[in-house]
Amino acid sequence: MTVRKRTASSTLNELLTVDEAQEALRCSRRKIYRLASQGRLRLVKFDRSARVTASSLQQLISEIAGSPALAVDVEGPVTEAGKKTT
């Protein structure tokens, strides 16, 4: 088993700016802050800056991807059973 040492630079790589998070999710800044206020995305605040933890962003993406209610097909929405609606 390999043990990976955490350095300051690796920790910084785990923090994303709000702009980077909104680009990853393709949503607005307001949506990022709303997700954070709902507890679905973790923000680390210092001074007047805020950073999104990469782990919370990945968890949110996994949550969204695994949710049948949010799945959308190019040809139209998909129901919970996975069948296309007409």
Protein backbone atom coordinates (compact mmCIF):
# COMPACT_ATOMS: atom_id res chain seq x y z
CA MET A 1 0.00 0.00 0.00
CA THR A 2 1.37 3.40 -0.98
CA VAL A 3 0.94 6.26 1.45
CA ARG A 4 0.58 9.63 -0.21
CA LYS A 5 1.93 12.53 1.75
CA ARG A 6 -0.26 15.61 1.76
CA THR A 7 1.57 18.76 0.93
CA ALA A 8 0.35 22.33 0.88
CA SER A 9 0.19 22.24 -2.93
CA SER A 10 -1.88 19.02 -2.97
CA THR A 11 -4.30 20.55 -0.47
CA LEU A 12 -4.61 23.66 -2.61
CA ASN A 13 -5.35 21.46 -5.62
CA GLU A 14 -8.33 20.13 -3.69
CA LEU A 15 -9.83 23.60 -3.40
CA LEU A 16 -11.54 25.20 -6.39
CA THR A 17 -12.57 28.78 -6.91
CA VAL A 18 -16.28 29.44 -7.21
CA ASP A 19 -15.67 30.22 -10.90
CA GLU A 20 -14.00 26.82 -11.42
CA ALA A 21 -16.89 25.07 -9.64
CA GLN A 22 -19.50 26.90 -11.69
CA GLU A 23 -17.61 25.97 -14.87
CA ALA A 24 -17.51 22.32 -13.80
CA LEU A 25 -21.26 22.29 -13.12
CA ARG A 26 -22.09 24.74 -15.92
CA CYS A 27 -24.24 26.85 -13.65
CA SER A 28 -24.30 30.35 -12.20
CA ARG A 29 -22.32 31.69 -9.22
CA ARG A 30 -25.63 32.13 -7.45
CA LYS A 31 -26.39 28.42 -7.87
CA ILE A 32 -23.01 27.51 -6.33
CA TYR A 33 -23.75 29.63 -3.26
CA ARG A 34 -27.31 28.25 -3.09
CA LEU A 35 -25.98 24.67 -3.16
CA ALA A 36 -23.56 25.61 -0.38
CA SER A 37 -26.32 27.14 1.74
CA GLN A 38 -28.36 23.94 1.27
CA GLY A 39 -25.39 21.90 2.51
CA ARG A 40 -24.95 20.10 -0.80
CA LEU A 41 -21.60 21.77 -1.55
CA ARG A 42 -18.88 22.63 0.97
CA LEU A 43 -17.29 26.07 0.89
CA VAL A 44 -14.13 27.01 2.74
CA LYS A 45 -14.09 30.73 3.47
CA PHE A 46 -11.12 32.86 4.39
CA ASP A 47 -10.95 36.63 4.36
CA ARG A 48 -13.22 37.67 1.51
CA SER A 49 -12.57 34.56 -0.59
CA ALA A 50 -14.46 31.29 -0.85
CA ARG A 51 -13.26 27.98 -2.22
CA VAL A 52 -15.21 24.82 -3.02
CA THR A 53 -13.79 21.52 -1.85
CA ALA A 54 -13.13 19.17 -4.75
CA SER A 55 -14.50 16.23 -2.74
CA SER A 56 -17.87 17.93 -2.17
CA LEU A 57 -18.05 18.88 -5.86
CA GLN A 58 -17.34 15.29 -6.90
CA GLN A 59 -19.92 14.01 -4.40
CA LEU A 60 -22.54 16.41 -5.77
CA ILE A 61 -21.78 15.36 -9.36
CA SER A 62 -22.12 11.69 -8.36
CA GLU A 63 -25.39 12.47 -6.57
CA ILE A 64 -26.77 14.26 -9.63
CA ALA A 65 -25.58 11.58 -12.04
CA GLY A 66 -27.13 8.83 -9.93
CA SER A 67 -30.50 10.52 -9.57
CA PRO A 68 -33.04 9.13 -12.07
CA ALA A 69 -35.28 12.16 -11.52
CA LEU A 70 -32.53 14.43 -12.84
CA ALA A 71 -31.48 12.27 -15.77
CA VAL A 72 -32.10 13.86 -19.14
CA ASP A 73 -31.71 12.29 -22.56
CA VAL A 74 -30.81 14.30 -25.64
CA GLU A 75 -34.18 13.39 -27.13
CA GLY A 76 -36.17 14.25 -24.00
CA PRO A 77 -36.54 13.65 -20.28
CA VAL A 78 -36.35 10.19 -18.78
CA THR A 79 -38.79 8.96 -16.16
CA GLU A 80 -37.73 7.32 -12.91
CA ALA A 81 -38.21 3.90 -14.49
CA GLY A 82 -35.70 4.91 -17.18
CA LYS A 83 -38.30 5.08 -19.97
CA LYS A 84 -38.59 8.04 -22.27
CA THR A 85 -41.62 10.23 -21.93
CA THR A 86 -43.48 11.15 -25.07
